[in-house]
Amino acid sequence: MSLQAYQRTATSAESPRETEYRLFAQVTLALMEAAKCDPTDIPGRIDALDWNRRVWNFLGEDCSSPGNRMPPQLRASIISLSIWVGKHTSAVIRREEEIEPLIEINRMIMQGLAAGGGGAGAGTAQAA
């Protein structure tokens, strides 16, 4: 079985929460690697920062969708975090802030996803 076939099978067997957890784990690892770069090394950091911002932009847009079935307060919290991540990312790129708070936010989201309860995931948000 090829690696691609294995990956397709593994992802199709995942729940939306597991998929979100995997995505956050990957983007958080990329941020951790970017944090090791010198702050002046923008090319070494920008891919991870941009990827994280795109993930959060998607979550914010998903939570603002009328079809989203998450509780309104949770949706509002995720939208607020999405806005904060965008602003903080811009400050990191301008070397006014550090990457670590972005990593910590992602880790907290991962903890909520791993808990499996009313955590902060958007995977079950859209009507199936």
N, C-alpha and C. Protein backbone atom coordinates (compact mmCIF):
# COMPACT_ATOMS: atom_id res chain seq x y z
N MET A 1 0.85 -1.16 0.00
CA MET A 1 0.00 0.00 0.00
C MET A 1 0.91 1.23 0.00
N SER A 2 0.62 2.17 -0.89
CA SER A 2 1.44 3.38 -0.97
C SER A 2 1.19 4.28 0.23
N LEU A 3 2.13 5.17 0.46
CA LEU A 3 1.99 6.11 1.57
C LEU A 3 0.75 6.97 1.38
N GLN A 4 0.50 7.42 0.16
CA GLN A 4 -0.67 8.26 -0.10
C GLN A 4 -1.97 7.50 0.19
N ALA A 5 -2.03 6.25 -0.20
CA ALA A 5 -3.22 5.45 0.06
C ALA A 5 -3.42 5.27 1.57
N TYR A 6 -2.33 5.07 2.29
CA TYR A 6 -2.40 4.94 3.74
C TYR A 6 -2.92 6.23 4.36
N GLN A 7 -2.39 7.37 3.91
CA GLN A 7 -2.81 8.65 4.46
C GLN A 7 -4.29 8.91 4.19
N ARG A 8 -4.76 8.57 2.98
CA ARG A 8 -6.18 8.75 2.66
C ARG A 8 -7.04 7.89 3.57
N THR A 9 -6.63 6.66 3.79
CA THR A 9 -7.38 5.75 4.65
C THR A 9 -7.38 6.26 6.09
N ALA A 10 -6.22 6.71 6.56
CA ALA A 10 -6.13 7.21 7.95
C ALA A 10 -7.01 8.43 8.14
N THR A 11 -7.00 9.34 7.17
CA THR A 11 -7.81 10.55 7.33
C THR A 11 -9.29 10.26 7.20
N SER A 12 -9.66 9.31 6.38
CA SER A 12 -11.09 9.02 6.24
C SER A 12 -11.64 8.34 7.49
N ALA A 13 -10.76 7.73 8.29
CA ALA A 13 -11.20 7.06 9.51
C ALA A 13 -11.23 8.00 10.72
N GLU A 14 -10.71 9.20 10.55
CA GLU A 14 -10.68 10.16 11.65
C GLU A 14 -12.02 10.85 11.84
N SER A 15 -12.31 11.18 13.07
CA SER A 15 -13.47 12.02 13.35
C SER A 15 -13.07 13.46 13.03
N PRO A 16 -14.03 14.36 12.85
CA PRO A 16 -13.67 15.76 12.62
C PRO A 16 -12.80 16.32 13.75
N ARG A 17 -13.08 15.94 14.98
CA ARG A 17 -12.28 16.41 16.12
C ARG A 17 -10.84 15.91 16.01
N GLU A 18 -10.66 14.66 15.61
CA GLU A 18 -9.31 14.12 15.44
C GLU A 18 -8.58 14.81 14.30
N THR A 19 -9.29 15.12 13.24
CA THR A 19 -8.69 15.84 12.12
C THR A 19 -8.23 17.22 12.55
N GLU A 20 -9.08 17.91 13.31
CA GLU A 20 -8.71 19.24 13.81
C GLU A 20 -7.50 19.15 14.74
N TYR A 21 -7.50 18.15 15.60
CA TYR A 21 -6.37 17.98 16.51
C TYR A 21 -5.09 17.78 15.71
N ARG A 22 -5.14 16.94 14.70
CA ARG A 22 -3.96 16.66 13.86
C ARG A 22 -3.49 17.94 13.17
N LEU A 23 -4.42 18.72 12.63
CA LEU A 23 -4.07 19.97 11.98
C LEU A 23 -3.40 20.92 12.97
N PHE A 24 -3.99 21.09 14.15
CA PHE A 24 -3.39 21.96 15.15
C PHE A 24 -2.02 21.46 15.59
N ALA A 25 -1.85 20.15 15.69
CA ALA A 25 -0.55 19.59 16.05
C ALA A 25 0.49 19.93 14.99
N GLN A 26 0.11 19.81 13.72
CA GLN A 26 1.06 20.09 12.64
C GLN A 26 1.42 21.58 12.59
N VAL A 27 0.42 22.44 12.66
CA VAL A 27 0.71 23.87 12.57
C VAL A 27 1.45 24.35 13.82
N THR A 28 1.16 23.78 14.97
CA THR A 28 1.85 24.17 16.20
C THR A 28 3.31 23.73 16.15
N LEU A 29 3.57 22.54 15.62
CA LEU A 29 4.95 22.09 15.45
C LEU A 29 5.70 23.04 14.51
N ALA A 30 5.05 23.47 13.45
CA ALA A 30 5.68 24.41 12.52
C ALA A 30 6.00 25.74 13.23
N LEU A 31 5.08 26.19 14.09
CA LEU A 31 5.33 27.42 14.85
C LEU A 31 6.50 27.23 15.82
N MET A 32 6.58 26.06 16.44
CA MET A 32 7.67 25.79 17.37
C MET A 32 9.02 25.80 16.65
N GLU A 33 9.05 25.26 15.45
CA GLU A 33 10.27 25.30 14.64
C GLU A 33 10.60 26.73 14.24
N ALA A 34 9.57 27.50 13.87
CA ALA A 34 9.78 28.90 13.49
C ALA A 34 10.29 29.72 14.66
N ALA A 35 9.86 29.38 15.87
CA ALA A 35 10.29 30.10 17.07
C ALA A 35 11.79 29.93 17.31
N LYS A 36 12.36 28.86 16.79
CA LYS A 36 13.80 28.62 16.94
C LYS A 36 14.63 29.51 16.02
N CYS A 37 14.00 30.07 14.98
CA CYS A 37 14.71 30.95 14.05
C CYS A 37 14.95 32.30 14.69
N ASP A 38 15.96 32.96 14.23
CA ASP A 38 16.22 34.33 14.67
C ASP A 38 15.03 35.20 14.26
N PRO A 39 14.57 36.09 15.13
CA PRO A 39 13.42 36.94 14.79
C PRO A 39 13.61 37.76 13.52
N THR A 40 14.86 38.02 13.15
CA THR A 40 15.09 38.77 11.91
C THR A 40 14.98 37.88 10.67
N ASP A 41 14.91 36.56 10.87
CA ASP A 41 14.80 35.61 9.75
C ASP A 41 13.33 35.45 9.36
N ILE A 42 12.76 36.48 8.77
CA ILE A 42 11.35 36.46 8.39
C ILE A 42 11.06 35.31 7.42
N PRO A 43 11.90 35.08 6.39
CA PRO A 43 11.59 33.94 5.50
C PRO A 43 11.53 32.60 6.23
N GLY A 44 12.32 32.43 7.28
CA GLY A 44 12.32 31.18 8.04
C GLY A 44 11.11 31.03 8.95
N ARG A 45 10.39 32.12 9.16
CA ARG A 45 9.27 32.11 10.09
C ARG A 45 7.92 32.31 9.40
N ILE A 46 7.93 32.92 8.23
CA ILE A 46 6.69 33.39 7.62
C ILE A 46 5.74 32.25 7.22
N ASP A 47 6.26 31.13 6.74
CA ASP A 47 5.38 30.04 6.31
C ASP A 47 4.53 29.53 7.47
N ALA A 48 5.17 29.30 8.61
CA ALA A 48 4.42 28.79 9.77
C ALA A 48 3.44 29.84 10.27
N LEU A 49 3.87 31.09 10.33
CA LEU A 49 2.97 32.16 10.79
C LEU A 49 1.77 32.32 9.86
N ASP A 50 2.04 32.28 8.56
CA ASP A 50 0.95 32.42 7.60
C ASP A 50 0.00 31.23 7.67
N TRP A 51 0.54 30.02 7.79
CA TRP A 51 -0.30 28.82 7.88
C TRP A 51 -1.20 28.91 9.10
N ASN A 52 -0.63 29.29 10.25
CA ASN A 52 -1.42 29.40 11.46
C ASN A 52 -2.51 30.46 11.30
N ARG A 53 -2.17 31.58 10.70
CA ARG A 53 -3.17 32.64 10.50
C ARG A 53 -4.29 32.15 9.59
N ARG A 54 -3.94 31.39 8.54
CA ARG A 54 -4.97 30.87 7.63
C ARG A 54 -5.89 29.87 8.34
N VAL A 55 -5.32 29.03 9.20
CA VAL A 55 -6.14 28.09 9.97
C VAL A 55 -7.14 28.87 10.82
N TRP A 56 -6.65 29.87 11.52
CA TRP A 56 -7.52 30.65 12.40
C TRP A 56 -8.53 31.48 11.62
N ASN A 57 -8.13 32.00 10.46
CA ASN A 57 -9.09 32.73 9.62
C ASN A 57 -10.23 31.81 9.20
N PHE A 58 -9.89 30.58 8.83
CA PHE A 58 -10.91 29.62 8.45
C PHE A 58 -11.85 29.33 9.61
N LEU A 59 -11.27 29.12 10.79
CA LEU A 59 -12.11 28.85 11.97
C LEU A 59 -13.04 30.02 12.26
N GLY A 60 -12.51 31.23 12.17
CA GLY A 60 -13.34 32.41 12.39
C GLY A 60 -14.47 32.52 11.39
N GLU A 61 -14.15 32.27 10.13
CA GLU A 61 -15.19 32.31 9.09
C GLU A 61 -16.21 31.21 9.30
N ASP A 62 -15.75 30.02 9.66
CA ASP A 62 -16.65 28.90 9.89
C ASP A 62 -17.60 29.20 11.04
N CYS A 63 -17.07 29.81 12.08
CA CYS A 63 -17.91 30.12 13.24
C CYS A 63 -18.89 31.25 12.96
N SER A 64 -18.62 32.07 11.97
CA SER A 64 -19.56 33.14 11.63
C SER A 64 -20.60 32.70 10.61
N SER A 65 -20.47 31.48 10.14
CA SER A 65 -21.42 30.93 9.16
C SER A 65 -22.77 30.65 9.81
N PRO A 66 -23.87 30.99 9.14
CA PRO A 66 -25.20 30.72 9.70
C PRO A 66 -25.46 29.23 9.95
N GLY A 67 -24.80 28.34 9.20
CA GLY A 67 -25.01 26.90 9.37
C GLY A 67 -24.22 26.30 10.51
N ASN A 68 -23.41 27.09 11.18
CA ASN A 68 -22.59 26.58 12.27
C ASN A 68 -23.49 26.25 13.47
N ARG A 69 -23.34 25.04 14.00
CA ARG A 69 -24.22 24.57 15.07
C ARG A 69 -23.59 24.60 16.45
N MET A 70 -22.42 25.18 16.58
CA MET A 70 -21.81 25.29 17.91
C MET A 70 -22.58 26.32 18.73
N PRO A 71 -22.49 26.23 20.04
CA PRO A 71 -23.14 27.23 20.89
C PRO A 71 -22.63 28.64 20.56
N PRO A 72 -23.53 29.62 20.57
CA PRO A 72 -23.14 30.99 20.20
C PRO A 72 -21.95 31.54 20.99
N GLN A 73 -21.88 31.26 22.28
CA GLN A 73 -20.77 31.78 23.09
C GLN A 73 -19.43 31.17 22.65
N LEU A 74 -19.42 29.88 22.34
CA LEU A 74 -18.20 29.24 21.87
C LEU A 74 -17.79 29.80 20.51
N ARG A 75 -18.78 29.97 19.64
CA ARG A 75 -18.50 30.57 18.32
C ARG A 75 -17.88 31.95 18.48
N ALA A 76 -18.46 32.77 19.35
CA ALA A 76 -17.94 34.12 19.58
C ALA A 76 -16.51 34.08 20.12
N SER A 77 -16.23 33.14 21.00
CA SER A 77 -14.88 33.01 21.55
C SER A 77 -13.88 32.65 20.47
N ILE A 78 -14.25 31.74 19.59
CA ILE A 78 -13.34 31.33 18.53
C ILE A 78 -13.13 32.48 17.54
N ILE A 79 -14.19 33.21 17.24
CA ILE A 79 -14.05 34.38 16.36
C ILE A 79 -13.11 35.40 17.00
N SER A 80 -13.27 35.65 18.29
CA SER A 80 -12.38 36.59 19.00
C SER A 80 -10.93 36.12 18.96
N LEU A 81 -10.73 34.83 19.19
CA LEU A 81 -9.37 34.28 19.11
C LEU A 81 -8.80 34.43 17.70
N SER A 82 -9.63 34.20 16.71
CA SER A 82 -9.19 34.34 15.32
C SER A 82 -8.70 35.76 15.04
N ILE A 83 -9.45 36.73 15.52
CA ILE A 83 -9.05 38.13 15.33
C ILE A 83 -7.75 38.41 16.08
N TRP A 84 -7.66 37.93 17.31
CA TRP A 84 -6.44 38.13 18.09
C TRP A 84 -5.23 37.49 17.40
N VAL A 85 -5.40 36.26 16.90
CA VAL A 85 -4.29 35.57 16.23
C VAL A 85 -3.82 36.38 15.03
N GLY A 86 -4.75 36.93 14.26
CA GLY A 86 -4.36 37.74 13.11
C GLY A 86 -3.54 38.95 13.52
N LYS A 87 -4.00 39.66 14.54
CA LYS A 87 -3.28 40.86 15.01
C LYS A 87 -1.93 40.49 15.61
N HIS A 88 -1.91 39.44 16.42
CA HIS A 88 -0.66 39.04 17.07
C HIS A 88 0.35 38.56 16.03
N THR A 89 -0.12 37.84 15.03
CA THR A 89 0.77 37.36 13.97
C THR A 89 1.42 38.54 13.26
N SER A 90 0.64 39.57 12.96
CA SER A 90 1.21 40.76 12.31
C SER A 90 2.27 41.40 13.21
N ALA A 91 2.02 41.44 14.50
CA ALA A 91 2.99 42.00 15.43
C ALA A 91 4.26 41.14 15.49
N VAL A 92 4.11 39.82 15.40
CA VAL A 92 5.29 38.93 15.39
C VAL A 92 6.11 39.21 14.14
N ILE A 93 5.45 39.34 13.01
CA ILE A 93 6.17 39.61 11.76
C ILE A 93 6.92 40.94 11.85
N ARG A 94 6.31 41.93 12.52
CA ARG A 94 6.97 43.24 12.69
C ARG A 94 8.01 43.21 13.82
N ARG A 95 8.18 42.05 14.44
CA ARG A 95 9.12 41.84 15.55
C ARG A 95 8.75 42.65 16.78
N GLU A 96 7.46 42.87 16.98
CA GLU A 96 6.96 43.58 18.16
C GLU A 96 6.48 42.60 19.24
N GLU A 97 6.24 41.35 18.86
CA GLU A 97 5.75 40.33 19.77
C GLU A 97 6.48 39.02 19.51
N GLU A 98 6.27 38.05 20.39
CA GLU A 98 6.88 36.73 20.29
C GLU A 98 5.89 35.72 19.72
N ILE A 99 6.40 34.61 19.22
CA ILE A 99 5.58 33.53 18.66
C ILE A 99 4.91 32.71 19.76
N GLU A 100 5.54 32.62 20.92
CA GLU A 100 5.08 31.70 21.97
C GLU A 100 3.60 31.81 22.34
N PRO A 101 3.02 33.01 22.42
CA PRO A 101 1.58 33.06 22.73
C PRO A 101 0.71 32.36 21.68
N LEU A 102 1.13 32.39 20.43
CA LEU A 102 0.39 31.68 19.38
C LEU A 102 0.47 30.17 19.62
N ILE A 103 1.64 29.71 20.02
CA ILE A 103 1.83 28.29 20.31
C ILE A 103 0.96 27.89 21.50
N GLU A 104 0.93 28.72 22.53
CA GLU A 104 0.14 28.41 23.72
C GLU A 104 -1.36 28.36 23.42
N ILE A 105 -1.85 29.28 22.61
CA ILE A 105 -3.28 29.26 22.23
C ILE A 105 -3.58 27.95 21.51
N ASN A 106 -2.74 27.57 20.57
CA ASN A 106 -2.96 26.32 19.84
C ASN A 106 -2.94 25.12 20.77
N ARG A 107 -2.03 25.13 21.72
CA ARG A 107 -1.96 24.01 22.68
C ARG A 107 -3.24 23.92 23.51
N MET A 108 -3.77 25.07 23.91
CA MET A 108 -5.02 25.05 24.68
C MET A 108 -6.17 24.50 23.84
N ILE A 109 -6.21 24.86 22.58
CA ILE A 109 -7.24 24.33 21.68
C ILE A 109 -7.06 22.82 21.55
N MET A 110 -5.83 22.37 21.41
CA MET A 110 -5.57 20.94 21.30
C MET A 110 -6.02 20.20 22.56
N GLN A 111 -5.81 20.81 23.72
CA GLN A 111 -6.26 20.18 24.97
C GLN A 111 -7.78 20.05 24.97
N GLY A 112 -8.47 21.08 24.51
CA GLY A 112 -9.92 21.01 24.43
C GLY A 112 -10.39 19.95 23.46
N LEU A 113 -9.70 19.84 22.32
CA LEU A 113 -10.06 18.82 21.33
C LEU A 113 -9.79 17.42 21.88
N ALA A 114 -8.68 17.27 22.60
CA ALA A 114 -8.33 15.96 23.15
C ALA A 114 -9.32 15.54 24.25
N ALA A 115 -9.85 16.53 24.97
CA ALA A 115 -10.79 16.22 26.04
C ALA A 115 -12.06 15.61 25.48
N GLY A 116 -12.39 15.96 24.25
CA GLY A 116 -13.53 15.36 23.59
C GLY A 116 -14.88 15.88 24.03
N GLY A 117 -14.90 16.70 25.04
CA GLY A 117 -16.17 17.23 25.51
C GLY A 117 -16.54 18.50 24.78
N GLY A 118 -16.91 19.51 25.50
CA GLY A 118 -17.31 20.77 24.91
C GLY A 118 -16.13 21.63 24.56
N GLY A 119 -15.04 21.01 24.10
CA GLY A 119 -13.82 21.74 23.77
C GLY A 119 -14.03 22.71 22.63
N ALA A 120 -12.97 23.36 22.25
CA ALA A 120 -13.06 24.45 21.29
C ALA A 120 -12.75 23.99 19.88
N GLY A 121 -13.42 23.00 19.38
CA GLY A 121 -13.22 22.58 18.01
C GLY A 121 -14.37 23.01 17.14
N ALA A 122 -14.09 23.18 15.86
CA ALA A 122 -15.14 23.61 14.93
C ALA A 122 -15.54 22.49 14.00
N GLY A 123 -14.96 21.30 14.16
CA GLY A 123 -15.21 20.21 13.22
C GLY A 123 -16.63 19.73 13.20
N THR A 124 -17.34 19.87 14.27
CA THR A 124 -18.73 19.43 14.30
C THR A 124 -19.67 20.60 14.11
N ALA A 125 -19.10 21.70 13.66
CA ALA A 125 -19.87 22.94 13.58
C ALA A 125 -20.89 22.94 12.45
N GLN A 126 -20.52 22.48 11.29
CA GLN A 126 -21.41 22.54 10.14
C GLN A 126 -22.42 21.39 10.19
N ALA A 127 -23.59 21.69 9.72
CA ALA A 127 -24.62 20.66 9.63
C ALA A 127 -24.16 19.61 8.64
N ALA A 128 -24.30 18.36 9.01
CA ALA A 128 -23.83 17.28 8.14
C ALA A 128 -24.84 16.95 7.08
